[in-house]
Amino acid sequence: MRGLRHGSAIAVTVQGGTQGRPIMIAHRPVVLVVEDNKDIRDLLALFLLENGCHILEAEDGKQAVQLARKSHPDLVLMDLSLPRLNGIQATTILKNHTDTENISVVALSSLCTDVRWREKAIQVGCDNCISKPIDFAELIRILRPYFKDDTNPGFSEHHETD
């Protein structure tokens, strides 16, 4: 697995001795959540926001490809069962273009319980395949390596629930 390439940065300033200059830069990984179910998308966004990420959202595969090409997120959480383009098709498109081939993609789908879908997701370029319903302890374990080289406090060891 790869560490994150970039993220959005937040400069924190304090009045007084620093004369308004930034005293700390916090990097926030950018995660694209691709999910057609709004409730699940909102739940994932809230979870990721609470863990220090910046969130982008797409509700179908075509929108996901367009947003990934425009925004170059650090990580894509990709449902496999999507309208317009399914997650396999969208991942294939992302992995076959030089401007998006290095974006990490993790499948997050009820289809991941089927070994054939899991193998297909990995074959087209997904780094991992997480089953729904979402086990958030498993999600943390799988996502932690993507954030290991980041100064982001989210997904640190103290979040482990085992």
C-alpha atoms as a PDB file:
ATOM      1  CA  MET A   1       0.000   0.000   0.000  1.00  0.00           C
ATOM      2  CA  ARG A   2       1.053   3.540  -0.632  1.00  0.00           C
ATOM      3  CA  GLY A   3       1.102   6.494   1.732  1.00  0.00           C
ATOM      4  CA  LEU A   4      -0.807   9.588   0.754  1.00  0.00           C
ATOM      5  CA  ARG A   5       0.762  11.893  -1.781  1.00  0.00           C
ATOM      6  CA  HIS A   6      -0.777  15.162  -0.703  1.00  0.00           C
ATOM      7  CA  GLY A   7      -3.737  16.640   1.070  1.00  0.00           C
ATOM      8  CA  SER A   8      -5.258  19.962   1.806  1.00  0.00           C
ATOM      9  CA  ALA A   9      -3.406  22.122   4.281  1.00  0.00           C
ATOM     10  CA  ILE A  10      -4.803  24.279   7.029  1.00  0.00           C
ATOM     11  CA  ALA A  11      -2.696  27.076   8.466  1.00  0.00           C
ATOM     12  CA  VAL A  12      -3.378  27.886  12.090  1.00  0.00           C
ATOM     13  CA  THR A  13      -2.534  31.408  13.243  1.00  0.00           C
ATOM     14  CA  VAL A  14      -2.394  32.886  16.710  1.00  0.00           C
ATOM     15  CA  GLN A  15      -2.664  36.564  17.591  1.00  0.00           C
ATOM     16  CA  GLY A  16       0.249  38.060  19.445  1.00  0.00           C
ATOM     17  CA  GLY A  17       3.917  37.088  19.245  1.00  0.00           C
ATOM     18  CA  THR A  18       3.695  35.333  15.888  1.00  0.00           C
ATOM     19  CA  GLN A  19       2.308  38.497  14.237  1.00  0.00           C
ATOM     20  CA  GLY A  20      -0.432  36.541  12.454  1.00  0.00           C
ATOM     21  CA  ARG A  21       1.963  34.114  10.773  1.00  0.00           C
ATOM     22  CA  PRO A  22       1.087  30.418  10.589  1.00  0.00           C
ATOM     23  CA  ILE A  23       2.524  28.478  13.502  1.00  0.00           C
ATOM     24  CA  MET A  24       1.401  25.030  12.394  1.00  0.00           C
ATOM     25  CA  ILE A  25       0.364  23.427   9.150  1.00  0.00           C
ATOM     26  CA  ALA A  26      -2.035  20.495   9.448  1.00  0.00           C
ATOM     27  CA  HIS A  27      -2.362  18.339   6.356  1.00  0.00           C
ATOM     28  CA  ARG A  28      -5.769  16.850   5.743  1.00  0.00           C
ATOM     29  CA  PRO A  29      -5.943  13.929   3.309  1.00  0.00           C
ATOM     30  CA  VAL A  30      -8.534  14.312   0.581  1.00  0.00           C
ATOM     31  CA  VAL A  31     -10.890  11.321   0.332  1.00  0.00           C
ATOM     32  CA  LEU A  32     -13.444  10.881  -2.435  1.00  0.00           C
ATOM     33  CA  VAL A  33     -16.446   8.888  -1.165  1.00  0.00           C
ATOM     34  CA  VAL A  34     -18.292   7.252  -4.078  1.00  0.00           C
ATOM     35  CA  GLU A  35     -21.618   5.882  -2.891  1.00  0.00           C
ATOM     36  CA  ASP A  36     -25.109   6.077  -4.395  1.00  0.00           C
ATOM     37  CA  ASN A  37     -26.867   5.639  -1.038  1.00  0.00           C
ATOM     38  CA  LYS A  38     -26.973   9.098   0.566  1.00  0.00           C
ATOM     39  CA  ASP A  39     -27.286   7.751   4.127  1.00  0.00           C
ATOM     40  CA  ILE A  40     -24.167   5.590   3.744  1.00  0.00           C
ATOM     41  CA  ARG A  41     -22.317   8.409   1.969  1.00  0.00           C
ATOM     42  CA  ASP A  42     -23.188  10.800   4.819  1.00  0.00           C
ATOM     43  CA  LEU A  43     -22.125   8.243   7.451  1.00  0.00           C
ATOM     44  CA  LEU A  44     -18.766   7.678   5.754  1.00  0.00           C
ATOM     45  CA  ALA A  45     -18.235  11.425   5.295  1.00  0.00           C
ATOM     46  CA  LEU A  46     -18.936  12.074   8.980  1.00  0.00           C
ATOM     47  CA  PHE A  47     -16.593   9.259  10.032  1.00  0.00           C
ATOM     48  CA  LEU A  48     -13.794  10.543   7.776  1.00  0.00           C
ATOM     49  CA  LEU A  49     -14.303  14.171   8.820  1.00  0.00           C
ATOM     50  CA  GLU A  50     -14.034  13.124  12.462  1.00  0.00           C
ATOM     51  CA  ASN A  51     -10.732  11.469  11.555  1.00  0.00           C
ATOM     52  CA  GLY A  52      -9.264  14.621  10.025  1.00  0.00           C
ATOM     53  CA  CYS A  53      -9.983  14.120   6.325  1.00  0.00           C
ATOM     54  CA  HIS A  54     -11.282  16.517   3.704  1.00  0.00           C
ATOM     55  CA  ILE A  55     -14.227  14.902   1.894  1.00  0.00           C
ATOM     56  CA  LEU A  56     -15.392  14.920  -1.697  1.00  0.00           C
ATOM     57  CA  GLU A  57     -18.564  13.046  -2.640  1.00  0.00           C
ATOM     58  CA  ALA A  58     -19.894  11.383  -5.779  1.00  0.00           C
ATOM     59  CA  GLU A  59     -23.128   9.460  -6.169  1.00  0.00           C
ATOM     60  CA  ASP A  60     -22.311   7.538  -9.355  1.00  0.00           C
ATOM     61  CA  GLY A  61     -19.306   6.196 -11.233  1.00  0.00           C
ATOM     62  CA  LYS A  62     -19.299   8.829 -13.962  1.00  0.00           C
ATOM     63  CA  GLN A  63     -19.351  11.647 -11.422  1.00  0.00           C
ATOM     64  CA  ALA A  64     -16.552   9.876  -9.503  1.00  0.00           C
ATOM     65  CA  VAL A  65     -14.286   9.752 -12.559  1.00  0.00           C
ATOM     66  CA  GLN A  66     -14.926  13.418 -13.373  1.00  0.00           C
ATOM     67  CA  LEU A  67     -14.310  14.533  -9.781  1.00  0.00           C
ATOM     68  CA  ALA A  68     -11.165  12.406  -9.407  1.00  0.00           C
ATOM     69  CA  ARG A  69      -9.709  13.836 -12.627  1.00  0.00           C
ATOM     70  CA  LYS A  70     -10.462  17.381 -11.486  1.00  0.00           C
ATOM     71  CA  SER A  71      -9.489  17.127  -7.797  1.00  0.00           C
ATOM     72  CA  HIS A  72      -6.899  14.307  -7.625  1.00  0.00           C
ATOM     73  CA  PRO A  73      -7.906  12.962  -4.199  1.00  0.00           C
ATOM     74  CA  ASP A  74      -5.471  10.963  -2.101  1.00  0.00           C
ATOM     75  CA  LEU A  75      -7.886   8.073  -1.702  1.00  0.00           C
ATOM     76  CA  VAL A  76     -11.155   6.925  -3.263  1.00  0.00           C
ATOM     77  CA  LEU A  77     -13.638   4.784  -1.329  1.00  0.00           C
ATOM     78  CA  MET A  78     -15.537   3.180  -4.211  1.00  0.00           C
ATOM     79  CA  ASP A  79     -18.854   1.365  -4.027  1.00  0.00           C
ATOM     80  CA  LEU A  80     -18.976  -1.301  -6.741  1.00  0.00           C
ATOM     81  CA  SER A  81     -22.717  -1.216  -7.418  1.00  0.00           C
ATOM     82  CA  LEU A  82     -23.265   2.263  -8.849  1.00  0.00           C
ATOM     83  CA  PRO A  83     -25.427   3.877 -11.540  1.00  0.00           C
ATOM     84  CA  ARG A  84     -24.030   5.211 -14.846  1.00  0.00           C
ATOM     85  CA  LEU A  85     -20.641   3.488 -14.400  1.00  0.00           C
ATOM     86  CA  ASN A  86     -20.227   0.758 -11.811  1.00  0.00           C
ATOM     87  CA  GLY A  87     -17.251   0.805  -9.449  1.00  0.00           C
ATOM     88  CA  ILE A  88     -15.281  -1.708 -11.539  1.00  0.00           C
ATOM     89  CA  GLN A  89     -15.698   0.431 -14.663  1.00  0.00           C
ATOM     90  CA  ALA A  90     -14.888   3.681 -12.842  1.00  0.00           C
ATOM     91  CA  THR A  91     -11.777   2.188 -11.213  1.00  0.00           C
ATOM     92  CA  THR A  92     -10.628   0.790 -14.566  1.00  0.00           C
ATOM     93  CA  ILE A  93     -10.942   4.241 -16.151  1.00  0.00           C
ATOM     94  CA  LEU A  94      -9.028   5.886 -13.282  1.00  0.00           C
ATOM     95  CA  LYS A  95      -6.241   3.293 -13.362  1.00  0.00           C
ATOM     96  CA  ASN A  96      -5.878   3.498 -17.158  1.00  0.00           C
ATOM     97  CA  HIS A  97      -5.177   7.252 -17.295  1.00  0.00           C
ATOM     98  CA  THR A  98      -1.777   8.670 -16.377  1.00  0.00           C
ATOM     99  CA  ASP A  99      -3.269  11.626 -14.504  1.00  0.00           C
ATOM    100  CA  THR A 100      -5.254   9.375 -12.130  1.00  0.00           C
ATOM    101  CA  GLU A 101      -3.440   6.013 -12.167  1.00  0.00           C
ATOM    102  CA  ASN A 102      -1.670   6.677  -8.847  1.00  0.00           C
ATOM    103  CA  ILE A 103      -4.812   7.523  -6.896  1.00  0.00           C
ATOM    104  CA  SER A 104      -5.426   4.815  -4.303  1.00  0.00           C
ATOM    105  CA  VAL A 105      -8.822   3.126  -4.589  1.00  0.00           C
ATOM    106  CA  VAL A 106     -10.448   0.954  -1.921  1.00  0.00           C
ATOM    107  CA  ALA A 107     -13.661  -0.856  -2.834  1.00  0.00           C
ATOM    108  CA  LEU A 108     -16.364  -0.564  -0.185  1.00  0.00           C
ATOM    109  CA  SER A 109     -19.321  -2.714  -1.208  1.00  0.00           C
ATOM    110  CA  SER A 110     -21.631  -5.531  -0.185  1.00  0.00           C
ATOM    111  CA  LEU A 111     -20.356  -7.229  -3.359  1.00  0.00           C
ATOM    112  CA  CYS A 112     -16.959  -7.636  -1.642  1.00  0.00           C
ATOM    113  CA  THR A 113     -18.382 -10.641   0.233  1.00  0.00           C
ATOM    114  CA  ASP A 114     -18.324 -12.496  -3.111  1.00  0.00           C
ATOM    115  CA  VAL A 115     -14.797 -13.731  -3.845  1.00  0.00           C
ATOM    116  CA  ARG A 116     -15.262 -13.187  -7.608  1.00  0.00           C
ATOM    117  CA  TRP A 117     -16.156  -9.514  -7.126  1.00  0.00           C
ATOM    118  CA  ARG A 118     -13.304  -9.106  -4.630  1.00  0.00           C
ATOM    119  CA  GLU A 119     -10.814 -10.590  -7.112  1.00  0.00           C
ATOM    120  CA  LYS A 120     -12.190  -8.454  -9.944  1.00  0.00           C
ATOM    121  CA  ALA A 121     -11.887  -5.289  -7.820  1.00  0.00           C
ATOM    122  CA  ILE A 122      -8.255  -6.085  -6.989  1.00  0.00           C
ATOM    123  CA  GLN A 123      -7.549  -7.040 -10.612  1.00  0.00           C
ATOM    124  CA  VAL A 124      -8.720  -3.657 -11.961  1.00  0.00           C
ATOM    125  CA  GLY A 125      -6.637  -1.727  -9.432  1.00  0.00           C
ATOM    126  CA  CYS A 126      -8.390  -1.516  -6.065  1.00  0.00           C
ATOM    127  CA  ASP A 127      -5.887  -1.788  -3.227  1.00  0.00           C
ATOM    128  CA  ASN A 128      -8.385  -3.521  -0.968  1.00  0.00           C
ATOM    129  CA  CYS A 129     -12.026  -4.571  -0.763  1.00  0.00           C
ATOM    130  CA  ILE A 130     -14.119  -3.855   2.338  1.00  0.00           C
ATOM    131  CA  SER A 131     -17.521  -5.506   2.810  1.00  0.00           C
ATOM    132  CA  LYS A 132     -20.751  -3.826   3.821  1.00  0.00           C
ATOM    133  CA  PRO A 133     -22.278  -3.526   6.298  1.00  0.00           C
ATOM    134  CA  ILE A 134     -19.293  -1.452   7.349  1.00  0.00           C
ATOM    135  CA  ASP A 135     -17.205  -2.702  10.243  1.00  0.00           C
ATOM    136  CA  PHE A 136     -15.603   0.603  11.288  1.00  0.00           C
ATOM    137  CA  ALA A 137     -12.818  -1.133  13.247  1.00  0.00           C
ATOM    138  CA  GLU A 138     -11.876  -2.991  10.044  1.00  0.00           C
ATOM    139  CA  LEU A 139     -12.168   0.227   8.046  1.00  0.00           C
ATOM    140  CA  ILE A 140      -9.751   1.960  10.429  1.00  0.00           C
ATOM    141  CA  ARG A 141      -7.267  -0.936  10.187  1.00  0.00           C
ATOM    142  CA  ILE A 142      -7.389  -0.909   6.397  1.00  0.00           C
ATOM    143  CA  LEU A 143      -7.195   2.877   6.026  1.00  0.00           C
ATOM    144  CA  ARG A 144      -4.467   3.470   8.648  1.00  0.00           C
ATOM    145  CA  PRO A 145      -1.561   2.667   6.245  1.00  0.00           C
ATOM    146  CA  TYR A 146      -2.771   5.378   3.851  1.00  0.00           C
ATOM    147  CA  PHE A 147      -2.317   7.943   6.606  1.00  0.00           C
ATOM    148  CA  LYS A 148       0.917   6.663   8.186  1.00  0.00           C
ATOM    149  CA  ASP A 149       3.211   9.263   6.618  1.00  0.00           C
ATOM    150  CA  ASP A 150       0.824  12.128   7.241  1.00  0.00           C
ATOM    151  CA  THR A 151       0.826  14.592  10.113  1.00  0.00           C
ATOM    152  CA  ASN A 152      -2.928  14.053  10.303  1.00  0.00           C
ATOM    153  CA  PRO A 153      -3.888  12.805  13.794  1.00  0.00           C
ATOM    154  CA  GLY A 154      -6.793  10.742  12.450  1.00  0.00           C
ATOM    155  CA  PHE A 155      -6.472   6.955  12.247  1.00  0.00           C
ATOM    156  CA  SER A 156      -3.727   6.969  14.862  1.00  0.00           C
ATOM    157  CA  GLU A 157      -3.075   3.971  17.076  1.00  0.00           C
ATOM    158  CA  HIS A 158      -5.399   5.268  19.821  1.00  0.00           C
ATOM    159  CA  HIS A 159      -8.379   4.797  17.472  1.00  0.00           C
ATOM    160  CA  GLU A 160      -7.910   1.013  17.481  1.00  0.00           C
ATOM    161  CA  THR A 161     -10.975  -0.701  18.910  1.00  0.00           C
ATOM    162  CA  ASP A 162      -9.598  -4.230  19.204  1.00  0.00           C
END
